């Protein structure tokens, strides 16, 4: 089984999900199956983390031909980049089954399908295989929002469907272009990542394919101006679905840029890096200011998540090792801190049946453990030193200043907006005079506290002892960035006025 560990992590949840959906299980049995499946995946994630050898290009490789004549294969493997996204997808899902116990059996089945597809997308080393898992991942999300969401779930589902289908079609067209390009240059079909990174891509077709990929991933991140689906989807989705969207699915958008766009479209990425860097900064600022204006705590967290995804995306487009390392670190840091905030407020929403911040207050005295857990997650979210959020944000800002001083300083300044709205939210929910919804809230149970405690420990460990994580990230980040650095040097040599590209890593 260990030789096929990645396949087990992909298909165990998918088969479990299909079993729940197709057989007449009750809600409790469905939840038990979901919890057992996600727990096995979590154990395998830990096994991968401690067994991973950062010196190899691709570890735990599995490869079987699927459509040999078209060069499409079932090719799996992970490096330090995919390892961290895989850890987030593997370790965080059990929290949903432990904390939310009253959903229909179909909801638990769809959760398992999403988890398996996410892990498949992260492990895929063939671009067609990645696309297949990418599409499988989207379908259960539509059901979880459309069937189990809030009163305005249908408009929210329609909006996210239009956005994601548009992005998927653009990505599919770009993948076909890459296959045709490989056939034209080598006489053979292939969609393997290792083969596609060797292509020489230039001209209008390559530029269009680059923007096709970027549109698909920018929608998923979401990056300004492709973010407008986010507030409605995050607000109307059940708390656990919002957690999955924010904590994990958005990271696969960033992962896609790092995994596919950065090594394959290095020339186009260098040419348009400044444009997308500004998009990241605008996302940070616009969504941060929008969060300040919200009275619905779920909507506030939605804009907060989009603002933080802006800085994570900025780290990719700075095209240097510091920023890329910070982005990879921040993927896990953001998944744990913001994901935990969504889960905690999801519990508050279920108890009080309210999301209006003004109707709360004084919860620190009524639920002190919940208040402490919320405070730790919030401080990690705003990047307090000693928490997981500080390491990633510090490296990204350092890399951003190295890339472009104006962008770096503006991004660092914009982080202050995040501190303002998070502290304001904390003060209004947990202090001040108790509101009418506070009486309906309760303290975390022993099971709930024990479930959340490992995430709190991980947030602190990543903040005070980041080296084990960095040891696994940096070698893969160096391999991923080396081709872009060469391209940047070539651009600087031929266009000396573009002084933003002149600095070397």
Protein backbone atom coordinates (compact mmCIF):
# COMPACT_ATOMS: atom_id res chain seq x y z
CA UNK A 1 0.00 0.00 0.00
CA UNK A 2 2.87 2.40 0.80
CA UNK A 3 4.12 2.15 -2.80
CA UNK A 4 0.77 3.58 -3.91
CA UNK A 5 0.29 5.97 -1.03
CA UNK A 6 -0.76 8.92 -3.20
CA UNK A 7 -3.37 6.84 -5.03
CA UNK A 8 -4.78 5.66 -1.71
CA UNK A 9 -5.02 9.25 -0.47
CA UNK A 10 -6.88 10.23 -3.65
CA UNK A 11 -9.27 7.34 -4.14
CA UNK A 12 -10.05 6.37 -0.54
CA UNK A 13 -12.05 9.62 -0.02
CA UNK A 14 -13.56 9.46 -3.53
CA UNK A 15 -14.78 5.87 -3.06
CA UNK A 16 -15.99 6.71 0.44
CA UNK A 17 -17.91 9.69 -0.91
CA UNK A 18 -19.53 7.67 -3.69
CA UNK A 19 -20.44 4.95 -1.18
CA UNK A 20 -22.20 7.47 1.04
CA UNK A 21 -24.07 9.02 -1.89
CA UNK A 22 -25.14 5.77 -3.54
CA UNK A 23 -26.01 3.56 -0.55
CA UNK A 24 -28.80 4.17 1.99
CA UNK A 25 -26.69 5.28 4.95
CA UNK A 26 -28.08 7.47 7.71
CA UNK A 27 -26.52 10.78 8.70
CA UNK A 28 -24.50 9.41 11.62
CA UNK A 29 -23.12 6.51 9.58
CA UNK A 30 -22.21 8.89 6.74
CA UNK A 31 -20.40 11.17 9.17
CA UNK A 32 -18.56 8.19 10.69
CA UNK A 33 -17.40 7.04 7.24
CA UNK A 34 -16.30 10.57 6.37
CA UNK A 35 -14.40 10.94 9.63
CA UNK A 36 -12.69 7.56 9.26
CA UNK A 37 -11.67 8.24 5.65
CA UNK A 38 -10.34 11.72 6.36
CA UNK A 39 -8.49 10.45 9.45
CA UNK A 40 -6.66 7.82 7.37
CA UNK A 41 -5.72 10.49 4.84
CA UNK A 42 -4.47 12.73 7.67
CA UNK A 43 -2.23 9.94 8.99
CA UNK A 44 -0.86 9.35 5.50
CA UNK A 45 -0.18 13.10 5.19
CA UNK A 46 1.95 12.99 8.32
CA UNK A 47 3.75 9.91 6.99
CA UNK A 48 4.55 11.77 3.76
CA UNK A 49 5.80 14.84 5.63
CA UNK A 50 8.27 12.91 7.79
CA UNK A 51 9.35 10.54 4.96
CA UNK A 52 9.79 13.26 2.34
CA UNK A 53 13.28 13.68 0.89
CA UNK A 54 13.68 17.32 -0.28
CA UNK A 55 16.71 16.47 -2.44
CA UNK A 56 14.66 14.50 -4.99
CA UNK A 57 12.83 16.32 -7.77
CA UNK A 58 9.65 14.24 -7.47
CA UNK A 59 8.94 11.80 -4.64
CA UNK A 60 6.45 8.92 -4.25
CA UNK A 61 6.11 8.67 -8.02
CA UNK A 62 3.40 6.51 -9.60
CA UNK A 63 3.06 6.28 -13.37
CA UNK A 64 0.81 4.27 -15.66
CA UNK A 65 -0.10 5.01 -19.31
CA UNK A 66 -3.70 6.11 -19.88
CA UNK A 67 -3.86 7.26 -23.53
CA UNK A 68 -0.39 6.36 -24.69
CA UNK A 69 -0.87 7.54 -28.28
CA UNK A 70 -1.63 11.07 -26.96
CA UNK A 71 1.04 11.01 -24.26
CA UNK A 72 -1.49 11.14 -21.39
CA UNK A 73 -0.56 9.15 -18.30
CA UNK A 74 -1.66 8.54 -14.74
CA UNK A 75 1.43 10.26 -13.36
CA UNK A 76 1.58 11.23 -9.69
CA UNK A 77 4.36 12.62 -7.52
CA UNK A 78 5.07 15.38 -5.01
CA UNK A 79 7.86 17.84 -4.28
CA UNK A 80 8.26 20.39 -1.49
CA UNK A 81 5.72 22.68 -3.17
CA UNK A 82 2.92 20.17 -3.42
CA UNK A 83 3.79 18.66 -0.02
CA UNK A 84 2.54 21.64 1.95
CA UNK A 85 -0.72 22.02 0.00
CA UNK A 86 -1.22 18.28 0.40
CA UNK A 87 -0.66 18.62 4.16
CA UNK A 88 -3.33 21.31 4.37
CA UNK A 89 -5.82 19.19 2.39
CA UNK A 90 -4.98 16.09 4.41
CA UNK A 91 -4.87 17.41 7.97
CA UNK A 92 -7.69 19.94 8.09
CA UNK A 93 -10.64 17.94 6.72
CA UNK A 94 -11.21 15.80 9.88
CA UNK A 95 -12.02 19.02 11.75
CA UNK A 96 -15.17 19.43 9.67
CA UNK A 97 -16.55 16.01 10.60
CA UNK A 98 -15.70 16.47 14.28
CA UNK A 99 -17.13 19.99 14.64
CA UNK A 100 -20.23 19.89 12.43
CA UNK A 101 -22.46 16.89 13.15
CA UNK A 102 -25.90 17.80 11.89
CA UNK A 103 -25.52 17.85 8.11
CA UNK A 104 -27.30 15.50 5.68
CA UNK A 105 -25.48 12.40 4.52
CA UNK A 106 -25.09 13.90 1.03
CA UNK A 107 -23.11 16.76 2.48
CA UNK A 108 -20.58 14.42 4.09
CA UNK A 109 -20.33 12.42 0.84
CA UNK A 110 -19.60 15.53 -1.21
CA UNK A 111 -16.95 16.60 1.31
CA UNK A 112 -15.08 13.34 0.74
CA UNK A 113 -15.30 13.75 -3.03
CA UNK A 114 -13.85 17.26 -2.79
CA UNK A 115 -10.98 16.11 -0.58
CA UNK A 116 -10.00 13.25 -2.91
CA UNK A 117 -10.12 15.49 -5.99
CA UNK A 118 -8.08 18.22 -4.29
CA UNK A 119 -5.35 15.75 -3.36
CA UNK A 120 -5.43 14.39 -6.92
CA UNK A 121 -4.95 17.87 -8.38
CA UNK A 122 -2.02 18.56 -6.06
CA UNK A 123 -0.30 15.22 -6.83
CA UNK A 124 -0.84 15.23 -10.61
CA UNK A 125 2.35 15.45 -12.69
CA UNK A 126 0.43 15.27 -15.97
CA UNK A 127 -1.48 18.37 -17.03
CA UNK A 128 -4.53 16.48 -18.35
CA UNK A 129 -4.72 14.52 -15.11
CA UNK A 130 -4.57 17.79 -13.18
CA UNK A 131 -7.44 19.15 -15.29
CA UNK A 132 -9.57 16.05 -14.63
CA UNK A 133 -9.15 16.33 -10.85
CA UNK A 134 -9.67 20.11 -11.07
CA UNK A 135 -13.08 19.55 -12.68
CA UNK A 136 -14.07 16.74 -10.28
CA UNK A 137 -13.24 19.08 -7.41
CA UNK A 138 -15.70 21.74 -8.59
CA UNK A 139 -18.86 19.65 -8.96
CA UNK A 140 -19.37 18.71 -5.25
CA UNK A 141 -18.72 22.34 -4.29
CA UNK A 142 -21.68 23.47 -6.41
CA UNK A 143 -23.93 20.93 -4.64
CA UNK A 144 -22.67 21.90 -1.19
CA UNK A 145 -23.48 25.57 -1.81
CA UNK A 146 -26.60 25.10 -3.94
CA UNK A 147 -28.28 22.45 -1.76
CA UNK A 148 -27.07 23.27 1.74
CA UNK A 149 -26.35 27.03 1.66
CA UNK A 150 -28.19 30.10 2.93
CA UNK A 151 -31.33 31.80 1.57
CA UNK A 152 -29.50 33.36 -1.41
CA UNK A 153 -27.60 30.19 -2.25
CA UNK A 154 -28.91 29.85 -5.82
CA UNK A 155 -27.65 33.25 -7.11
CA UNK A 156 -24.34 32.57 -5.35
CA UNK A 157 -24.10 29.13 -6.96
CA UNK A 158 -24.93 30.49 -10.42
CA UNK A 159 -22.28 33.19 -10.09
CA UNK A 160 -19.51 30.83 -8.97
CA UNK A 161 -20.55 28.35 -11.68
CA UNK A 162 -20.22 30.95 -14.45
CA UNK A 163 -16.84 32.06 -13.18
CA UNK A 164 -15.37 28.59 -12.71
CA UNK A 165 -16.68 27.12 -15.97
CA UNK A 166 -15.28 30.08 -17.89
CA UNK A 167 -11.93 29.60 -16.22
CA UNK A 168 -11.98 25.84 -16.82
CA UNK A 169 -12.68 26.23 -20.55
CA UNK A 170 -9.86 28.74 -20.91
CA UNK A 171 -7.52 26.35 -19.09
CA UNK A 172 -8.59 23.44 -21.30
CA UNK A 173 -7.88 25.47 -24.44
CA UNK A 174 -4.44 26.36 -23.05
CA UNK A 175 -3.68 22.71 -22.25
CA UNK A 176 -4.60 21.71 -25.81
CA UNK A 177 -2.29 24.44 -27.11
CA UNK A 178 0.58 23.03 -25.03
CA UNK A 179 -0.04 19.52 -26.37
CA UNK A 180 -0.03 20.84 -29.95
CA UNK A 181 3.12 22.84 -29.26
CA UNK A 182 4.89 19.77 -27.90
CA UNK A 183 3.86 17.72 -30.93
CA UNK A 184 5.03 20.48 -33.30
CA UNK A 185 8.45 20.78 -31.61
CA UNK A 186 9.21 17.09 -30.90
CA UNK A 187 6.91 15.08 -33.19
CA UNK A 188 5.35 13.37 -30.15
CA UNK A 189 2.36 14.02 -27.92
CA UNK A 190 2.95 14.64 -24.23
CA UNK A 191 1.23 16.45 -21.38
CA UNK A 192 3.81 15.51 -18.74
CA UNK A 193 4.96 18.50 -16.73
CA UNK A 194 8.63 17.60 -17.11
CA UNK A 195 8.27 17.55 -20.92
CA UNK A 196 6.22 20.76 -21.15
CA UNK A 197 8.79 22.76 -19.16
CA UNK A 198 11.31 22.05 -21.95
CA UNK A 199 9.15 23.73 -24.62
CA UNK A 200 10.20 26.98 -26.22
CA UNK A 201 7.04 29.10 -26.21
CA UNK A 202 6.71 32.50 -27.84
CA UNK A 203 4.33 34.49 -30.01
CA UNK A 204 0.62 35.39 -29.68
CA UNK A 205 -0.47 31.76 -29.15
CA UNK A 206 1.80 31.36 -26.14
CA UNK A 207 0.62 34.68 -24.71
CA UNK A 208 -3.04 33.67 -25.09
CA UNK A 209 -2.35 30.28 -23.47
CA UNK A 210 -0.56 32.05 -20.61
CA UNK A 211 -3.54 34.31 -19.98
CA UNK A 212 -5.89 31.31 -20.26
CA UNK A 213 -4.11 29.60 -17.38
CA UNK A 214 -3.85 32.83 -15.41
CA UNK A 215 -7.58 33.55 -15.78
CA UNK A 216 -8.48 30.09 -14.44
CA UNK A 217 -6.12 30.36 -11.48
CA UNK A 218 -6.88 34.04 -10.76
CA UNK A 219 -10.59 33.16 -10.45
CA UNK A 220 -9.80 30.41 -8.01
CA UNK A 221 -7.39 32.48 -5.84
CA UNK A 222 -9.43 34.92 -6.23
CA UNK A 223 -7.35 37.81 -7.55
CA UNK A 224 -8.67 41.28 -8.38
CA UNK A 225 -10.75 41.82 -10.58
CA UNK A 226 -11.88 38.15 -10.63
CA UNK A 227 -13.01 38.17 -7.00
CA UNK A 228 -16.67 39.25 -7.28
CA UNK A 229 -18.04 35.71 -6.86
CA UNK A 230 -16.31 35.36 -3.51
CA UNK A 231 -18.41 37.44 -1.04
CA UNK A 232 -21.71 35.80 -2.05
CA UNK A 233 -20.30 32.26 -2.24
CA UNK A 234 -18.45 32.51 1.08
CA UNK A 235 -21.45 34.09 2.82
CA UNK A 236 -24.15 31.74 1.52
CA UNK A 237 -22.13 28.51 1.78
CA UNK A 238 -22.37 26.42 4.98
CA UNK A 239 -19.52 27.11 7.40
CA UNK A 240 -17.66 23.91 6.55
CA UNK A 241 -17.88 24.66 2.83
CA UNK A 242 -16.59 28.18 3.35
CA UNK A 243 -13.73 26.66 5.30
CA UNK A 244 -12.90 24.33 2.38
CA UNK A 245 -13.16 27.16 -0.17
CA UNK A 246 -10.96 29.53 1.81
CA UNK A 247 -8.50 27.24 3.54
CA UNK A 248 -7.70 24.81 0.75
CA UNK A 249 -9.36 25.38 -2.62
CA UNK A 250 -8.05 28.94 -3.02
CA UNK A 251 -4.53 27.62 -2.36
CA UNK A 252 -4.81 25.28 -5.33
CA UNK A 253 -5.17 28.39 -7.52
CA UNK A 254 -1.84 29.68 -6.22
CA UNK A 255 -0.38 26.19 -6.49
CA UNK A 256 -1.43 26.07 -10.16
CA UNK A 257 0.46 29.28 -10.93
CA UNK A 258 3.60 27.98 -9.20
CA UNK A 259 3.38 24.44 -10.59
CA UNK A 260 2.33 25.08 -14.21
CA UNK A 261 2.58 28.75 -15.21
CA UNK A 262 5.92 29.57 -13.61
CA UNK A 263 8.05 26.82 -15.25
CA UNK A 264 6.18 26.54 -18.58
CA UNK A 265 5.42 30.21 -19.37
CA UNK A 266 8.53 31.73 -17.80
CA UNK A 267 8.95 34.31 -20.60
CA UNK A 268 5.33 35.53 -20.42
CA UNK A 269 5.37 35.51 -16.63
CA UNK A 270 8.47 37.70 -16.52
CA UNK A 271 6.89 40.07 -19.04
CA UNK A 272 3.63 40.46 -17.10
CA UNK A 273 4.87 39.95 -13.53
CA UNK A 274 4.55 43.63 -12.69
CA UNK A 275 0.92 43.69 -13.88
CA UNK A 276 -0.07 40.73 -11.71
CA UNK A 277 1.93 42.07 -8.76
CA UNK A 278 -0.18 45.22 -8.84
CA UNK A 279 -3.29 43.01 -9.03
CA UNK A 280 -2.13 41.33 -5.82
CA UNK A 281 -1.58 44.66 -4.06
CA UNK A 282 -4.96 46.01 -5.23
CA UNK A 283 -6.62 42.81 -3.96
CA UNK A 284 -5.01 43.35 -0.58
CA UNK A 285 -6.08 46.98 -0.35
CA UNK A 286 -9.57 46.78 -1.90
CA UNK A 287 -10.67 43.65 -0.03
CA UNK A 288 -9.13 44.94 3.21
CA UNK A 289 -11.10 48.20 3.00
CA UNK A 290 -14.25 46.26 2.05
CA UNK A 291 -13.80 44.09 5.16
CA UNK A 292 -13.78 47.21 7.33
CA UNK A 293 -17.28 48.11 6.09
CA UNK A 294 -18.97 44.76 6.93
CA UNK A 295 -21.38 44.04 9.78
CA UNK A 296 -21.76 40.35 8.78
CA UNK A 297 -18.81 38.49 10.34
CA UNK A 298 -18.80 35.81 7.64
CA UNK A 299 -18.71 38.42 4.90
CA UNK A 300 -15.95 40.25 6.77
CA UNK A 301 -13.88 37.06 6.89
CA UNK A 302 -14.58 36.50 3.18
CA UNK A 303 -13.05 39.85 2.25
CA UNK A 304 -10.28 39.27 4.79
CA UNK A 305 -9.43 35.95 3.15
CA UNK A 306 -9.36 37.57 -0.31
CA UNK A 307 -7.10 40.32 1.02
CA UNK A 308 -4.64 37.79 2.45
CA UNK A 309 -4.74 35.76 -0.76
CA UNK A 310 -3.58 38.96 -2.47
CA UNK A 311 -0.30 38.94 -0.57
CA UNK A 312 0.13 35.20 -1.18
CA UNK A 313 -0.30 35.79 -4.93
CA UNK A 314 2.07 38.77 -4.78
CA UNK A 315 4.76 36.44 -3.48
CA UNK A 316 4.56 34.36 -6.66
CA UNK A 317 4.81 37.29 -9.07
CA UNK A 318 7.85 38.83 -7.36
CA UNK A 319 9.85 36.05 -9.06
CA UNK A 320 12.54 35.62 -6.42
CA UNK A 321 13.34 32.89 -3.94
CA UNK A 322 12.46 34.82 -0.79
CA UNK A 323 8.97 35.74 -1.92
CA UNK A 324 8.23 32.30 -3.38
CA UNK A 325 9.37 30.59 -0.17
CA UNK A 326 7.19 32.99 1.82
CA UNK A 327 4.21 32.21 -0.41
CA UNK A 328 4.58 28.47 0.10
CA UNK A 329 4.92 28.93 3.85
CA UNK A 330 1.95 31.29 3.92
CA UNK A 331 -0.23 28.74 2.10
CA UNK A 332 -0.24 26.52 5.20
CA UNK A 333 -0.24 29.46 7.64
CA UNK A 334 -3.28 31.03 5.98
CA UNK A 335 -5.07 27.68 5.68
CA UNK A 336 -4.74 27.05 9.41
CA UNK A 337 -5.43 30.55 10.75
CA UNK A 338 -8.20 31.75 8.42
CA UNK A 339 -9.68 28.26 8.18
CA UNK A 340 -9.89 28.11 11.98
CA UNK A 341 -11.55 31.53 12.12
CA UNK A 342 -14.22 30.36 9.67
CA UNK A 343 -14.80 27.19 11.70
CA UNK A 344 -15.09 29.03 15.03
CA UNK A 345 -17.49 31.62 13.66
CA UNK A 346 -19.38 28.82 11.91
CA UNK A 347 -20.01 27.26 15.34
CA UNK A 348 -21.14 30.64 16.66
CA UNK A 349 -23.49 31.05 13.70
CA UNK A 350 -25.02 27.60 14.21
CA UNK A 351 -25.70 28.34 17.89
CA UNK A 352 -26.99 31.89 17.57
CA UNK A 353 -28.47 31.74 14.03
CA UNK A 354 -27.00 35.20 13.49
CA UNK A 355 -23.98 36.67 11.71
CA UNK A 356 -24.56 40.32 12.56
CA UNK A 357 -21.58 41.60 14.54
CA UNK A 358 -23.65 44.26 16.28
CA UNK A 359 -25.86 41.60 17.86
CA UNK A 360 -22.95 40.06 19.76
CA UNK A 361 -20.60 41.32 22.48
CA UNK A 362 -19.23 40.07 25.78
CA UNK A 363 -18.52 36.56 24.50
CA UNK A 364 -15.11 36.45 26.21
CA UNK A 365 -16.78 35.96 29.60
CA UNK A 366 -19.34 33.46 28.26
CA UNK A 367 -16.93 31.37 26.14
CA UNK A 368 -13.33 32.06 27.28
CA UNK A 369 -11.75 29.05 25.53
CA UNK A 370 -13.40 30.00 22.25
CA UNK A 371 -12.14 33.56 22.76
CA UNK A 372 -8.55 32.37 23.33
CA UNK A 373 -8.59 30.10 20.27
CA UNK A 374 -10.08 32.91 18.19
CA UNK A 375 -7.40 35.32 19.43
CA UNK A 376 -4.56 32.95 18.48
CA UNK A 377 -5.98 32.36 14.99
CA UNK A 378 -6.62 36.08 14.54
CA UNK A 379 -3.08 37.05 15.59
CA UNK A 380 -1.66 34.46 13.18
CA UNK A 381 -3.90 35.86 10.46
CA UNK A 382 -2.48 39.37 10.93
CA UNK A 383 1.10 38.08 11.07
CA UNK A 384 2.07 38.56 14.72
CA UNK A 385 5.67 37.38 15.42
CA UNK A 386 5.64 34.00 17.14
CA UNK A 387 2.76 32.75 15.02
CA UNK A 388 2.75 30.99 11.65
CA UNK A 389 1.54 34.08 9.77
CA UNK A 390 4.65 36.12 10.54
CA UNK A 391 7.22 33.94 8.76
CA UNK A 392 5.43 33.84 5.42
CA UNK A 393 4.41 37.50 5.35
CA UNK A 394 7.90 38.63 6.34
CA UNK A 395 9.52 36.65 3.51
CA UNK A 396 6.95 37.87 0.97
CA UNK A 397 7.42 41.53 1.93
CA UNK A 398 11.21 41.06 1.84
CA UNK A 399 10.96 39.58 -1.66
CA UNK A 400 8.46 42.24 -2.78
CA UNK A 401 10.79 45.07 -1.75
CA UNK A 402 13.59 43.34 -3.62
CA UNK A 403 11.36 43.08 -6.70
CA UNK A 404 9.92 46.60 -6.59
CA UNK A 405 10.33 48.98 -3.65
CA UNK A 406 7.02 50.79 -4.24
CA UNK A 407 5.04 47.55 -4.37
CA UNK A 408 6.86 46.15 -1.33
CA UNK A 409 6.28 49.23 0.84
CA UNK A 410 2.65 49.52 -0.28
CA UNK A 411 2.02 45.84 0.50
CA UNK A 412 3.60 46.19 3.96
CA UNK A 413 1.50 49.27 4.65
CA UNK A 414 -1.68 47.54 3.50
CA UNK A 415 -1.16 44.81 6.08
CA UNK A 416 -2.05 47.42 8.72
CA UNK A 417 -5.60 47.49 7.33
CA UNK A 418 -5.89 43.78 8.17
CA UNK A 419 -4.80 44.41 11.74
CA UNK A 420 -7.46 47.12 12.07
CA UNK A 421 -10.49 45.11 10.94
CA UNK A 422 -9.47 41.93 12.77
CA UNK A 423 -8.90 43.70 16.10
CA UNK A 424 -12.15 45.63 15.60
CA UNK A 425 -14.01 42.35 14.96
CA UNK A 426 -12.46 40.74 18.04
CA UNK A 427 -13.34 43.71 20.24
CA UNK A 428 -16.97 43.84 19.07
CA UNK A 429 -17.58 40.09 19.38
CA UNK A 430 -15.81 39.26 22.61
CA UNK A 431 -15.89 42.44 24.65
CA UNK A 432 -18.26 45.40 24.93
CA UNK A 433 -21.78 45.05 26.29
CA UNK A 434 -23.39 41.61 25.58
CA UNK A 435 -25.86 41.65 22.69
CA UNK A 436 -29.08 39.71 22.06
CA UNK A 437 -27.28 36.88 20.22
CA UNK A 438 -24.66 36.33 22.92
CA UNK A 439 -27.08 34.47 25.21
CA UNK A 440 -27.57 31.76 22.58
CA UNK A 441 -23.82 31.05 22.34
CA UNK A 442 -22.05 28.47 24.46
CA UNK A 443 -18.50 27.54 25.33
CA UNK A 444 -16.65 24.93 23.25
CA UNK A 445 -17.25 21.38 24.43
CA UNK A 446 -14.33 19.21 25.51
CA UNK A 447 -14.43 17.34 22.17
CA UNK A 448 -14.52 20.58 20.18
CA UNK A 449 -11.64 22.08 22.17
CA UNK A 450 -9.57 18.90 21.81
CA UNK A 451 -10.28 18.90 18.06
CA UNK A 452 -9.11 22.48 17.58
CA UNK A 453 -6.13 22.35 19.96
CA UNK A 454 -3.73 20.59 17.48
CA UNK A 455 -4.32 23.41 14.98
CA UNK A 456 -3.48 25.98 17.66
CA UNK A 457 -0.29 24.05 18.45
CA UNK A 458 0.63 23.91 14.75
CA UNK A 459 0.13 27.69 14.42
CA UNK A 460 2.54 28.33 17.29
CA UNK A 461 5.10 25.67 16.27
CA UNK A 462 5.25 27.09 12.73
CA UNK A 463 5.77 30.53 14.26
CA UNK A 464 8.63 29.68 16.63
CA UNK A 465 10.32 26.76 14.81
CA UNK A 466 9.85 27.13 11.02
CA UNK A 467 13.04 25.32 9.98
CA UNK A 468 11.59 21.81 9.40
CA UNK A 469 9.04 23.31 7.02
CA UNK A 470 11.57 25.58 5.27
CA UNK A 471 13.95 22.62 4.80
CA UNK A 472 11.27 20.93 2.71
CA UNK A 473 10.20 24.05 0.80
CA UNK A 474 13.44 25.76 -0.23
CA UNK A 475 15.05 23.07 -2.48
CA UNK A 476 11.86 22.75 -4.54
CA UNK A 477 11.39 26.52 -4.65
CA UNK A 478 14.96 26.94 -5.92
CA UNK A 479 14.39 24.40 -8.70
CA UNK A 480 11.12 26.10 -9.64
CA UNK A 481 12.55 29.61 -9.77
CA UNK A 482 15.86 28.96 -11.55
CA UNK A 483 14.49 29.14 -15.11
CA UNK A 484 12.63 32.37 -14.36
CA UNK A 485 15.77 33.95 -12.91
CA UNK A 486 17.59 33.20 -16.18
CA UNK A 487 14.72 34.73 -18.13
CA UNK A 488 14.79 37.82 -15.92
CA UNK A 489 18.51 38.21 -16.55
CA UNK A 490 17.90 38.00 -20.30
CA UNK A 491 15.13 40.61 -20.11
CA UNK A 492 17.33 42.92 -18.06
CA UNK A 493 20.17 42.55 -20.56
CA UNK A 494 17.97 43.47 -23.52
CA UNK A 495 15.82 46.08 -21.74
CA UNK A 496 18.01 47.93 -19.25
CA UNK A 497 15.32 50.55 -18.54
CA UNK A 498 13.21 47.86 -16.91
CA UNK A 499 15.13 48.25 -13.72
CA UNK A 500 12.59 46.21 -11.76
CA UNK A 501 14.14 43.07 -13.15
CA UNK A 502 17.78 43.93 -12.70
CA UNK A 503 18.29 42.61 -9.19
CA UNK A 504 19.37 39.04 -8.83
CA UNK A 505 18.34 36.52 -6.27
